[in-house]
Protein backbone atom coordinates (compact mmCIF):
# COMPACT_ATOMS: atom_id res chain seq x y z
CA UNK A 1 0.00 0.00 0.00
CA UNK A 2 2.83 2.39 0.89
CA UNK A 3 4.58 1.63 -2.40
CA UNK A 4 1.37 2.32 -4.32
CA UNK A 5 0.96 5.69 -2.59
CA UNK A 6 4.58 6.58 -3.35
CA UNK A 7 4.06 5.64 -6.99
CA UNK A 8 0.88 7.75 -7.20
CA UNK A 9 2.67 10.72 -5.65
CA UNK A 10 5.64 10.42 -7.99
CA UNK A 11 3.49 10.08 -11.11
CA UNK A 12 1.26 12.96 -10.01
CA UNK A 13 4.23 15.29 -9.54
CA UNK A 14 5.71 14.30 -12.91
CA UNK A 15 2.50 14.80 -14.87
CA UNK A 16 1.40 17.97 -13.05
CA UNK A 17 4.81 19.58 -13.47
CA UNK A 18 4.88 18.97 -17.21
CA UNK A 19 1.28 20.19 -17.63
CA UNK A 20 2.38 23.56 -16.14
CA UNK A 21 -1.21 24.65 -15.65
CA UNK A 22 -0.23 28.02 -14.15
CA UNK A 23 1.45 29.11 -17.39
CA UNK A 24 -1.49 27.75 -19.37
CA UNK A 25 -3.81 29.79 -17.15
CA UNK A 26 -1.91 32.97 -17.90
CA UNK A 27 -2.29 32.25 -21.62
CA UNK A 28 -6.00 31.56 -21.09
CA UNK A 29 -6.50 34.99 -19.53
CA UNK A 30 -4.69 36.60 -22.46
CA UNK A 31 -7.05 34.89 -24.92
CA UNK A 32 -10.32 35.97 -23.31
CA UNK A 33 -11.81 39.43 -23.27
CA UNK A 34 -11.29 41.74 -20.31
CA UNK A 35 -15.03 41.63 -19.59
CA UNK A 36 -15.08 37.84 -19.20
CA UNK A 37 -17.28 36.67 -16.33
CA UNK A 38 -16.50 34.19 -13.58
CA UNK A 39 -19.06 31.80 -15.06
CA UNK A 40 -17.38 31.91 -18.46
CA UNK A 41 -13.97 31.18 -16.90
CA UNK A 42 -15.50 28.24 -15.03
CA UNK A 43 -17.02 26.89 -18.26
CA UNK A 44 -13.66 27.12 -20.06
CA UNK A 45 -11.93 25.41 -17.14
CA UNK A 46 -14.47 22.58 -17.07
CA UNK A 47 -14.37 21.90 -20.82
CA UNK A 48 -10.60 22.14 -20.91
CA UNK A 49 -10.23 19.71 -18.02
CA UNK A 50 -12.54 17.16 -19.65
CA UNK A 51 -10.55 17.33 -22.87
CA UNK A 52 -7.20 17.08 -21.13
CA UNK A 53 -8.37 14.17 -18.97
CA UNK A 54 -9.66 12.16 -21.93
CA UNK A 55 -6.53 12.94 -23.96
CA UNK A 56 -4.18 11.88 -21.17
CA UNK A 57 -6.11 8.68 -20.54
CA UNK A 58 -6.10 7.72 -24.23
CA UNK A 59 -2.38 8.44 -24.59
CA UNK A 60 -1.52 6.39 -21.51
CA UNK A 61 -3.74 3.40 -22.30
CA UNK A 62 -2.87 3.23 -26.00
CA UNK A 63 0.81 4.21 -25.89
CA UNK A 64 2.17 0.65 -25.82
CA UNK A 65 -0.07 -0.50 -28.69
CA UNK A 66 0.89 2.48 -30.86
CA UNK A 67 4.60 1.76 -30.50
CA UNK A 68 4.15 -1.98 -31.04
CA UNK A 69 2.16 -1.28 -34.19
CA UNK A 70 4.87 0.90 -35.69
CA UNK A 71 7.68 -1.25 -34.33
CA UNK A 72 9.32 1.65 -32.48
CA UNK A 73 11.71 0.87 -29.65
CA UNK A 74 10.79 2.40 -26.28
CA UNK A 75 14.35 3.68 -25.81
CA UNK A 76 14.00 5.77 -28.97
CA UNK A 77 11.00 7.53 -27.43
CA UNK A 78 12.87 8.07 -24.16
CA UNK A 79 15.75 9.78 -25.97
CA UNK A 80 13.51 11.99 -28.10
CA UNK A 81 11.12 12.65 -25.22
CA UNK A 82 14.03 13.53 -22.97
CA UNK A 83 15.21 16.11 -25.50
CA UNK A 84 11.71 17.65 -25.72
CA UNK A 85 11.38 17.82 -21.93
CA UNK A 86 14.89 19.23 -21.62
CA UNK A 87 13.96 22.10 -23.95
CA UNK A 88 10.74 22.66 -21.99
CA UNK A 89 12.61 22.65 -18.68
CA UNK A 90 15.21 25.07 -20.01
CA UNK A 91 12.49 27.48 -21.17
CA UNK A 92 10.69 27.20 -17.84
CA UNK A 93 13.85 27.90 -15.86
CA UNK A 94 14.37 31.02 -17.98
CA UNK A 95 10.83 32.11 -17.12
CA UNK A 96 9.52 31.81 -20.68
CA UNK A 97 6.61 29.52 -19.83
CA UNK A 98 4.60 27.89 -22.59
CA UNK A 99 5.05 28.95 -26.20
CA UNK A 100 1.97 29.54 -28.30
CA UNK A 101 0.37 32.18 -30.50
CA UNK A 102 3.54 34.26 -30.81
CA UNK A 103 2.32 36.04 -33.93
CA UNK A 104 -0.17 38.83 -33.36
CA UNK A 105 -2.51 37.52 -36.08
CA UNK A 106 -2.64 34.05 -34.47
CA UNK A 107 -3.17 35.54 -31.04
CA UNK A 108 -6.06 37.68 -32.27
CA UNK A 109 -7.61 34.72 -34.11
CA UNK A 110 -7.52 32.69 -30.90
CA UNK A 111 -9.16 35.53 -28.96
CA UNK A 112 -11.99 35.69 -31.49
CA UNK A 113 -12.81 31.99 -31.16
CA UNK A 114 -16.10 31.28 -29.44
CA UNK A 115 -14.51 28.47 -27.44
CA UNK A 116 -10.79 28.31 -26.63
CA UNK A 117 -11.15 25.51 -24.07
CA UNK A 118 -10.28 22.71 -26.52
CA UNK A 119 -8.09 24.46 -29.10
CA UNK A 120 -5.66 25.95 -28.28
CA UNK A 121 -5.92 25.69 -24.46
CA UNK A 122 -6.26 21.92 -24.05
CA UNK A 123 -4.39 20.97 -27.22
CA UNK A 124 -1.60 21.87 -27.74
CA UNK A 125 -0.97 24.25 -24.80
CA UNK A 126 -1.53 21.78 -21.95
CA UNK A 127 -1.54 18.41 -23.73
CA UNK A 128 1.46 19.19 -25.90
CA UNK A 129 4.50 17.18 -27.06
CA UNK A 130 6.07 17.07 -23.59
CA UNK A 131 3.00 15.62 -21.88
CA UNK A 132 2.38 13.25 -24.80
CA UNK A 133 5.84 11.70 -24.67
CA UNK A 134 5.71 11.48 -20.87
CA UNK A 135 2.40 9.59 -20.84
CA UNK A 136 3.48 7.22 -23.62
CA UNK A 137 6.72 6.57 -21.75
CA UNK A 138 4.72 5.78 -18.59
CA UNK A 139 2.60 3.42 -20.68
CA UNK A 140 5.72 1.57 -21.83
CA UNK A 141 7.26 1.39 -18.36
CA UNK A 142 4.24 0.32 -16.32
CA UNK A 143 3.09 -3.26 -16.87
CA UNK A 144 1.26 -4.43 -13.73
CA UNK A 145 -2.29 -3.48 -12.78
CA UNK A 146 -0.96 -1.64 -9.71
CA UNK A 147 1.19 0.53 -11.97
CA UNK A 148 -1.74 1.24 -14.29
CA UNK A 149 -3.86 2.14 -11.28
CA UNK A 150 -1.13 4.45 -10.00
CA UNK A 151 -0.89 6.43 -13.26
CA UNK A 152 -4.67 6.51 -13.70
CA UNK A 153 -5.16 7.97 -10.21
CA UNK A 154 -2.37 10.46 -10.93
CA UNK A 155 -4.14 11.55 -14.14
CA UNK A 156 -7.37 12.07 -12.19
CA UNK A 157 -5.63 14.12 -9.48
CA UNK A 158 -3.83 16.26 -12.08
CA UNK A 159 -7.10 16.84 -13.94
CA UNK A 160 -8.82 18.00 -10.75
CA UNK A 161 -5.89 20.33 -10.01
CA UNK A 162 -6.04 21.63 -13.58
CA UNK A 163 -9.72 22.53 -13.16
CA UNK A 164 -9.24 24.24 -9.80
CA UNK A 165 -6.28 26.31 -11.02
CA UNK A 166 -7.91 27.42 -14.28
CA UNK A 167 -11.20 28.24 -12.56
CA UNK A 168 -9.45 30.42 -9.98
CA UNK A 169 -6.77 31.77 -12.33
CA UNK A 170 -7.86 35.45 -12.14
CA UNK A 171 -7.54 35.37 -8.34
CA UNK A 172 -4.26 33.39 -8.47
CA UNK A 173 -2.71 35.83 -10.92
CA UNK A 174 -3.83 38.75 -8.76
CA UNK A 175 -2.31 37.21 -5.63
CA UNK A 176 0.95 35.88 -7.10
CA UNK A 177 1.51 38.47 -9.79
CA UNK A 178 3.61 37.94 -12.91
CA UNK A 179 6.82 37.56 -10.89
CA UNK A 180 5.33 34.99 -8.54
CA UNK A 181 4.12 32.85 -11.43
CA UNK A 182 7.52 33.05 -13.10
CA UNK A 183 9.28 31.96 -9.91
CA UNK A 184 6.96 28.97 -9.58
CA UNK A 185 7.47 28.11 -13.25
CA UNK A 186 11.25 28.20 -12.81
CA UNK A 187 11.05 25.82 -9.86
CA UNK A 188 8.92 23.45 -11.93
CA UNK A 189 11.46 23.80 -14.73
CA UNK A 190 14.12 22.26 -12.49
CA UNK A 191 11.89 19.23 -11.94
CA UNK A 192 11.10 18.91 -15.66
CA UNK A 193 14.80 19.17 -16.52
CA UNK A 194 15.66 16.45 -14.01
CA UNK A 195 12.97 14.16 -15.43
CA UNK A 196 14.28 14.87 -18.93
CA UNK A 197 17.84 13.94 -17.96
CA UNK A 198 16.70 10.66 -16.39
CA UNK A 199 14.55 9.77 -19.40
CA UNK A 200 17.32 10.61 -21.87
CA UNK A 201 20.03 8.66 -20.00
CA UNK A 202 17.73 5.65 -19.62
CA UNK A 203 17.07 5.68 -23.36
CA UNK A 204 20.76 5.99 -24.27
CA UNK A 205 21.79 3.18 -21.92
CA UNK A 206 18.96 1.02 -23.26
CA UNK A 207 20.03 1.49 -26.89
CA UNK A 208 23.66 0.94 -25.93
CA UNK A 209 22.93 -2.38 -24.22
CA UNK A 210 20.72 -3.57 -27.12
CA UNK A 211 22.79 -2.54 -30.15
CA UNK A 212 26.40 -2.20 -28.96
CA UNK A 213 27.16 -5.50 -27.30
CA UNK A 214 30.65 -5.73 -25.90
C-alpha atoms as a PDB file:
ATOM      1  CA  UNK A   1       0.000   0.000   0.000  1.00  0.00           C
ATOM      2  CA  UNK A   2       2.830   2.387   0.889  1.00  0.00           C
ATOM      3  CA  UNK A   3       4.579   1.628  -2.402  1.00  0.00           C
ATOM      4  CA  UNK A   4       1.372   2.317  -4.316  1.00  0.00           C
ATOM      5  CA  UNK A   5       0.956   5.688  -2.592  1.00  0.00           C
ATOM      6  CA  UNK A   6       4.582   6.581  -3.353  1.00  0.00           C
ATOM      7  CA  UNK A   7       4.057   5.637  -6.993  1.00  0.00           C
ATOM      8  CA  UNK A   8       0.881   7.746  -7.203  1.00  0.00           C
ATOM      9  CA  UNK A   9       2.674  10.722  -5.645  1.00  0.00           C
ATOM     10  CA  UNK A  10       5.644  10.418  -7.994  1.00  0.00           C
ATOM     11  CA  UNK A  11       3.489  10.083 -11.112  1.00  0.00           C
ATOM     12  CA  UNK A  12       1.262  12.960 -10.012  1.00  0.00           C
ATOM     13  CA  UNK A  13       4.233  15.288  -9.536  1.00  0.00           C
ATOM     14  CA  UNK A  14       5.713  14.301 -12.909  1.00  0.00           C
ATOM     15  CA  UNK A  15       2.497  14.800 -14.873  1.00  0.00           C
ATOM     16  CA  UNK A  16       1.403  17.969 -13.052  1.00  0.00           C
ATOM     17  CA  UNK A  17       4.813  19.583 -13.473  1.00  0.00           C
ATOM     18  CA  UNK A  18       4.879  18.974 -17.212  1.00  0.00           C
ATOM     19  CA  UNK A  19       1.283  20.190 -17.625  1.00  0.00           C
ATOM     20  CA  UNK A  20       2.384  23.556 -16.145  1.00  0.00           C
ATOM     21  CA  UNK A  21      -1.208  24.650 -15.655  1.00  0.00           C
ATOM     22  CA  UNK A  22      -0.226  28.019 -14.153  1.00  0.00           C
ATOM     23  CA  UNK A  23       1.454  29.109 -17.387  1.00  0.00           C
ATOM     24  CA  UNK A  24      -1.493  27.749 -19.368  1.00  0.00           C
ATOM     25  CA  UNK A  25      -3.809  29.786 -17.146  1.00  0.00           C
ATOM     26  CA  UNK A  26      -1.906  32.975 -17.905  1.00  0.00           C
ATOM     27  CA  UNK A  27      -2.287  32.248 -21.621  1.00  0.00           C
ATOM     28  CA  UNK A  28      -5.997  31.556 -21.092  1.00  0.00           C
ATOM     29  CA  UNK A  29      -6.497  34.988 -19.532  1.00  0.00           C
ATOM     30  CA  UNK A  30      -4.691  36.599 -22.455  1.00  0.00           C
ATOM     31  CA  UNK A  31      -7.050  34.895 -24.923  1.00  0.00           C
ATOM     32  CA  UNK A  32     -10.320  35.966 -23.306  1.00  0.00           C
ATOM     33  CA  UNK A  33     -11.813  39.429 -23.268  1.00  0.00           C
ATOM     34  CA  UNK A  34     -11.295  41.740 -20.312  1.00  0.00           C
ATOM     35  CA  UNK A  35     -15.029  41.633 -19.590  1.00  0.00           C
ATOM     36  CA  UNK A  36     -15.082  37.835 -19.198  1.00  0.00           C
ATOM     37  CA  UNK A  37     -17.283  36.672 -16.330  1.00  0.00           C
ATOM     38  CA  UNK A  38     -16.498  34.189 -13.585  1.00  0.00           C
ATOM     39  CA  UNK A  39     -19.060  31.798 -15.056  1.00  0.00           C
ATOM     40  CA  UNK A  40     -17.385  31.909 -18.460  1.00  0.00           C
ATOM     41  CA  UNK A  41     -13.974  31.179 -16.895  1.00  0.00           C
ATOM     42  CA  UNK A  42     -15.499  28.240 -15.033  1.00  0.00           C
ATOM     43  CA  UNK A  43     -17.018  26.888 -18.259  1.00  0.00           C
ATOM     44  CA  UNK A  44     -13.664  27.125 -20.060  1.00  0.00           C
ATOM     45  CA  UNK A  45     -11.931  25.408 -17.144  1.00  0.00           C
ATOM     46  CA  UNK A  46     -14.475  22.575 -17.070  1.00  0.00           C
ATOM     47  CA  UNK A  47     -14.373  21.904 -20.821  1.00  0.00           C
ATOM     48  CA  UNK A  48     -10.596  22.140 -20.906  1.00  0.00           C
ATOM     49  CA  UNK A  49     -10.226  19.707 -18.021  1.00  0.00           C
ATOM     50  CA  UNK A  50     -12.539  17.156 -19.651  1.00  0.00           C
ATOM     51  CA  UNK A  51     -10.554  17.329 -22.872  1.00  0.00           C
ATOM     52  CA  UNK A  52      -7.196  17.079 -21.131  1.00  0.00           C
ATOM     53  CA  UNK A  53      -8.365  14.174 -18.966  1.00  0.00           C
ATOM     54  CA  UNK A  54      -9.655  12.162 -21.927  1.00  0.00           C
ATOM     55  CA  UNK A  55      -6.530  12.943 -23.960  1.00  0.00           C
ATOM     56  CA  UNK A  56      -4.183  11.877 -21.167  1.00  0.00           C
ATOM     57  CA  UNK A  57      -6.113   8.676 -20.542  1.00  0.00           C
ATOM     58  CA  UNK A  58      -6.101   7.724 -24.227  1.00  0.00           C
ATOM     59  CA  UNK A  59      -2.377   8.443 -24.585  1.00  0.00           C
ATOM     60  CA  UNK A  60      -1.523   6.385 -21.509  1.00  0.00           C
ATOM     61  CA  UNK A  61      -3.744   3.400 -22.298  1.00  0.00           C
ATOM     62  CA  UNK A  62      -2.869   3.231 -25.999  1.00  0.00           C
ATOM     63  CA  UNK A  63       0.812   4.209 -25.891  1.00  0.00           C
ATOM     64  CA  UNK A  64       2.165   0.645 -25.822  1.00  0.00           C
ATOM     65  CA  UNK A  65      -0.065  -0.503 -28.689  1.00  0.00           C
ATOM     66  CA  UNK A  66       0.892   2.476 -30.860  1.00  0.00           C
ATOM     67  CA  UNK A  67       4.604   1.759 -30.497  1.00  0.00           C
ATOM     68  CA  UNK A  68       4.154  -1.981 -31.036  1.00  0.00           C
ATOM     69  CA  UNK A  69       2.156  -1.284 -34.191  1.00  0.00           C
ATOM     70  CA  UNK A  70       4.874   0.902 -35.689  1.00  0.00           C
ATOM     71  CA  UNK A  71       7.685  -1.255 -34.334  1.00  0.00           C
ATOM     72  CA  UNK A  72       9.315   1.646 -32.480  1.00  0.00           C
ATOM     73  CA  UNK A  73      11.706   0.873 -29.654  1.00  0.00           C
ATOM     74  CA  UNK A  74      10.793   2.402 -26.277  1.00  0.00           C
ATOM     75  CA  UNK A  75      14.350   3.683 -25.812  1.00  0.00           C
ATOM     76  CA  UNK A  76      14.002   5.769 -28.968  1.00  0.00           C
ATOM     77  CA  UNK A  77      11.003   7.529 -27.427  1.00  0.00           C
ATOM     78  CA  UNK A  78      12.872   8.066 -24.164  1.00  0.00           C
ATOM     79  CA  UNK A  79      15.749   9.781 -25.968  1.00  0.00           C
ATOM     80  CA  UNK A  80      13.507  11.992 -28.099  1.00  0.00           C
ATOM     81  CA  UNK A  81      11.115  12.654 -25.225  1.00  0.00           C
ATOM     82  CA  UNK A  82      14.030  13.532 -22.974  1.00  0.00           C
ATOM     83  CA  UNK A  83      15.210  16.115 -25.498  1.00  0.00           C
ATOM     84  CA  UNK A  84      11.713  17.646 -25.717  1.00  0.00           C
ATOM     85  CA  UNK A  85      11.379  17.823 -21.933  1.00  0.00           C
ATOM     86  CA  UNK A  86      14.887  19.230 -21.618  1.00  0.00           C
ATOM     87  CA  UNK A  87      13.964  22.102 -23.947  1.00  0.00           C
ATOM     88  CA  UNK A  88      10.742  22.656 -21.990  1.00  0.00           C
ATOM     89  CA  UNK A  89      12.607  22.646 -18.681  1.00  0.00           C
ATOM     90  CA  UNK A  90      15.213  25.067 -20.011  1.00  0.00           C
ATOM     91  CA  UNK A  91      12.488  27.482 -21.172  1.00  0.00           C
ATOM     92  CA  UNK A  92      10.685  27.205 -17.837  1.00  0.00           C
ATOM     93  CA  UNK A  93      13.853  27.898 -15.856  1.00  0.00           C
ATOM     94  CA  UNK A  94      14.373  31.018 -17.976  1.00  0.00           C
ATOM     95  CA  UNK A  95      10.826  32.107 -17.124  1.00  0.00           C
ATOM     96  CA  UNK A  96       9.516  31.807 -20.683  1.00  0.00           C
ATOM     97  CA  UNK A  97       6.613  29.515 -19.825  1.00  0.00           C
ATOM     98  CA  UNK A  98       4.596  27.892 -22.588  1.00  0.00           C
ATOM     99  CA  UNK A  99       5.045  28.953 -26.201  1.00  0.00           C
ATOM    100  CA  UNK A 100       1.971  29.540 -28.304  1.00  0.00           C
ATOM    101  CA  UNK A 101       0.373  32.182 -30.497  1.00  0.00           C
ATOM    102  CA  UNK A 102       3.540  34.257 -30.805  1.00  0.00           C
ATOM    103  CA  UNK A 103       2.322  36.045 -33.927  1.00  0.00           C
ATOM    104  CA  UNK A 104      -0.169  38.831 -33.359  1.00  0.00           C
ATOM    105  CA  UNK A 105      -2.506  37.516 -36.078  1.00  0.00           C
ATOM    106  CA  UNK A 106      -2.638  34.047 -34.470  1.00  0.00           C
ATOM    107  CA  UNK A 107      -3.173  35.543 -31.043  1.00  0.00           C
ATOM    108  CA  UNK A 108      -6.058  37.680 -32.273  1.00  0.00           C
ATOM    109  CA  UNK A 109      -7.611  34.720 -34.109  1.00  0.00           C
ATOM    110  CA  UNK A 110      -7.515  32.693 -30.902  1.00  0.00           C
ATOM    111  CA  UNK A 111      -9.156  35.525 -28.962  1.00  0.00           C
ATOM    112  CA  UNK A 112     -11.989  35.685 -31.495  1.00  0.00           C
ATOM    113  CA  UNK A 113     -12.807  31.989 -31.162  1.00  0.00           C
ATOM    114  CA  UNK A 114     -16.099  31.284 -29.445  1.00  0.00           C
ATOM    115  CA  UNK A 115     -14.509  28.469 -27.436  1.00  0.00           C
ATOM    116  CA  UNK A 116     -10.792  28.314 -26.626  1.00  0.00           C
ATOM    117  CA  UNK A 117     -11.145  25.511 -24.074  1.00  0.00           C
ATOM    118  CA  UNK A 118     -10.282  22.712 -26.518  1.00  0.00           C
ATOM    119  CA  UNK A 119      -8.090  24.459 -29.099  1.00  0.00           C
ATOM    120  CA  UNK A 120      -5.664  25.950 -28.285  1.00  0.00           C
ATOM    121  CA  UNK A 121      -5.918  25.695 -24.462  1.00  0.00           C
ATOM    122  CA  UNK A 122      -6.256  21.916 -24.052  1.00  0.00           C
ATOM    123  CA  UNK A 123      -4.390  20.966 -27.222  1.00  0.00           C
ATOM    124  CA  UNK A 124      -1.604  21.866 -27.742  1.00  0.00           C
ATOM    125  CA  UNK A 125      -0.970  24.251 -24.803  1.00  0.00           C
ATOM    126  CA  UNK A 126      -1.532  21.776 -21.949  1.00  0.00           C
ATOM    127  CA  UNK A 127      -1.540  18.408 -23.735  1.00  0.00           C
ATOM    128  CA  UNK A 128       1.459  19.191 -25.903  1.00  0.00           C
ATOM    129  CA  UNK A 129       4.499  17.180 -27.056  1.00  0.00           C
ATOM    130  CA  UNK A 130       6.066  17.067 -23.589  1.00  0.00           C
ATOM    131  CA  UNK A 131       2.997  15.619 -21.881  1.00  0.00           C
ATOM    132  CA  UNK A 132       2.377  13.247 -24.796  1.00  0.00           C
ATOM    133  CA  UNK A 133       5.842  11.698 -24.666  1.00  0.00           C
ATOM    134  CA  UNK A 134       5.706  11.475 -20.868  1.00  0.00           C
ATOM    135  CA  UNK A 135       2.399   9.590 -20.843  1.00  0.00           C
ATOM    136  CA  UNK A 136       3.478   7.225 -23.617  1.00  0.00           C
ATOM    137  CA  UNK A 137       6.718   6.565 -21.752  1.00  0.00           C
ATOM    138  CA  UNK A 138       4.718   5.781 -18.594  1.00  0.00           C
ATOM    139  CA  UNK A 139       2.600   3.417 -20.677  1.00  0.00           C
ATOM    140  CA  UNK A 140       5.724   1.573 -21.835  1.00  0.00           C
ATOM    141  CA  UNK A 141       7.264   1.387 -18.360  1.00  0.00           C
ATOM    142  CA  UNK A 142       4.238   0.316 -16.318  1.00  0.00           C
ATOM    143  CA  UNK A 143       3.091  -3.259 -16.869  1.00  0.00           C
ATOM    144  CA  UNK A 144       1.258  -4.427 -13.728  1.00  0.00           C
ATOM    145  CA  UNK A 145      -2.291  -3.480 -12.781  1.00  0.00           C
ATOM    146  CA  UNK A 146      -0.959  -1.636  -9.713  1.00  0.00           C
ATOM    147  CA  UNK A 147       1.186   0.532 -11.972  1.00  0.00           C
ATOM    148  CA  UNK A 148      -1.737   1.241 -14.295  1.00  0.00           C
ATOM    149  CA  UNK A 149      -3.865   2.138 -11.276  1.00  0.00           C
ATOM    150  CA  UNK A 150      -1.130   4.450 -10.004  1.00  0.00           C
ATOM    151  CA  UNK A 151      -0.891   6.434 -13.257  1.00  0.00           C
ATOM    152  CA  UNK A 152      -4.670   6.512 -13.697  1.00  0.00           C
ATOM    153  CA  UNK A 153      -5.157   7.971 -10.212  1.00  0.00           C
ATOM    154  CA  UNK A 154      -2.368  10.464 -10.929  1.00  0.00           C
ATOM    155  CA  UNK A 155      -4.142  11.550 -14.136  1.00  0.00           C
ATOM    156  CA  UNK A 156      -7.374  12.066 -12.187  1.00  0.00           C
ATOM    157  CA  UNK A 157      -5.628  14.116  -9.484  1.00  0.00           C
ATOM    158  CA  UNK A 158      -3.834  16.262 -12.078  1.00  0.00           C
ATOM    159  CA  UNK A 159      -7.096  16.842 -13.943  1.00  0.00           C
ATOM    160  CA  UNK A 160      -8.822  18.005 -10.748  1.00  0.00           C
ATOM    161  CA  UNK A 161      -5.891  20.326 -10.015  1.00  0.00           C
ATOM    162  CA  UNK A 162      -6.039  21.628 -13.582  1.00  0.00           C
ATOM    163  CA  UNK A 163      -9.715  22.531 -13.161  1.00  0.00           C
ATOM    164  CA  UNK A 164      -9.235  24.237  -9.802  1.00  0.00           C
ATOM    165  CA  UNK A 165      -6.276  26.308 -11.018  1.00  0.00           C
ATOM    166  CA  UNK A 166      -7.905  27.424 -14.275  1.00  0.00           C
ATOM    167  CA  UNK A 167     -11.197  28.244 -12.564  1.00  0.00           C
ATOM    168  CA  UNK A 168      -9.450  30.417  -9.982  1.00  0.00           C
ATOM    169  CA  UNK A 169      -6.767  31.766 -12.328  1.00  0.00           C
ATOM    170  CA  UNK A 170      -7.861  35.449 -12.139  1.00  0.00           C
ATOM    171  CA  UNK A 171      -7.541  35.366  -8.344  1.00  0.00           C
ATOM    172  CA  UNK A 172      -4.259  33.388  -8.469  1.00  0.00           C
ATOM    173  CA  UNK A 173      -2.713  35.827 -10.925  1.00  0.00           C
ATOM    174  CA  UNK A 174      -3.834  38.749  -8.761  1.00  0.00           C
ATOM    175  CA  UNK A 175      -2.305  37.206  -5.627  1.00  0.00           C
ATOM    176  CA  UNK A 176       0.955  35.883  -7.103  1.00  0.00           C
ATOM    177  CA  UNK A 177       1.510  38.472  -9.792  1.00  0.00           C
ATOM    178  CA  UNK A 178       3.611  37.940 -12.910  1.00  0.00           C
ATOM    179  CA  UNK A 179       6.825  37.565 -10.894  1.00  0.00           C
ATOM    180  CA  UNK A 180       5.327  34.986  -8.545  1.00  0.00           C
ATOM    181  CA  UNK A 181       4.119  32.853 -11.434  1.00  0.00           C
ATOM    182  CA  UNK A 182       7.522  33.049 -13.104  1.00  0.00           C
ATOM    183  CA  UNK A 183       9.284  31.964  -9.910  1.00  0.00           C
ATOM    184  CA  UNK A 184       6.957  28.968  -9.582  1.00  0.00           C
ATOM    185  CA  UNK A 185       7.467  28.110 -13.252  1.00  0.00           C
ATOM    186  CA  UNK A 186      11.248  28.200 -12.811  1.00  0.00           C
ATOM    187  CA  UNK A 187      11.049  25.825  -9.862  1.00  0.00           C
ATOM    188  CA  UNK A 188       8.923  23.450 -11.934  1.00  0.00           C
ATOM    189  CA  UNK A 189      11.464  23.799 -14.732  1.00  0.00           C
ATOM    190  CA  UNK A 190      14.118  22.261 -12.490  1.00  0.00           C
ATOM    191  CA  UNK A 191      11.885  19.229 -11.940  1.00  0.00           C
ATOM    192  CA  UNK A 192      11.101  18.906 -15.660  1.00  0.00           C
ATOM    193  CA  UNK A 193      14.798  19.172 -16.521  1.00  0.00           C
ATOM    194  CA  UNK A 194      15.657  16.449 -14.009  1.00  0.00           C
ATOM    195  CA  UNK A 195      12.966  14.163 -15.432  1.00  0.00           C
ATOM    196  CA  UNK A 196      14.284  14.872 -18.927  1.00  0.00           C
ATOM    197  CA  UNK A 197      17.839  13.939 -17.958  1.00  0.00           C
ATOM    198  CA  UNK A 198      16.695  10.662 -16.391  1.00  0.00           C
ATOM    199  CA  UNK A 199      14.550   9.773 -19.398  1.00  0.00           C
ATOM    200  CA  UNK A 200      17.321  10.612 -21.868  1.00  0.00           C
ATOM    201  CA  UNK A 201      20.030   8.665 -20.002  1.00  0.00           C
ATOM    202  CA  UNK A 202      17.727   5.646 -19.620  1.00  0.00           C
ATOM    203  CA  UNK A 203      17.073   5.678 -23.362  1.00  0.00           C
ATOM    204  CA  UNK A 204      20.755   5.994 -24.265  1.00  0.00           C
ATOM    205  CA  UNK A 205      21.794   3.179 -21.919  1.00  0.00           C
ATOM    206  CA  UNK A 206      18.963   1.016 -23.264  1.00  0.00           C
ATOM    207  CA  UNK A 207      20.026   1.487 -26.890  1.00  0.00           C
ATOM    208  CA  UNK A 208      23.664   0.944 -25.933  1.00  0.00           C
ATOM    209  CA  UNK A 209      22.927  -2.377 -24.223  1.00  0.00           C
ATOM    210  CA  UNK A 210      20.722  -3.566 -27.118  1.00  0.00           C
ATOM    211  CA  UNK A 211      22.791  -2.536 -30.150  1.00  0.00           C
ATOM    212  CA  UNK A 212      26.402  -2.197 -28.957  1.00  0.00           C
ATOM    213  CA  UNK A 213      27.157  -5.501 -27.303  1.00  0.00           C
ATOM    214  CA  UNK A 214      30.651  -5.729 -25.902  1.00  0.00           C
END
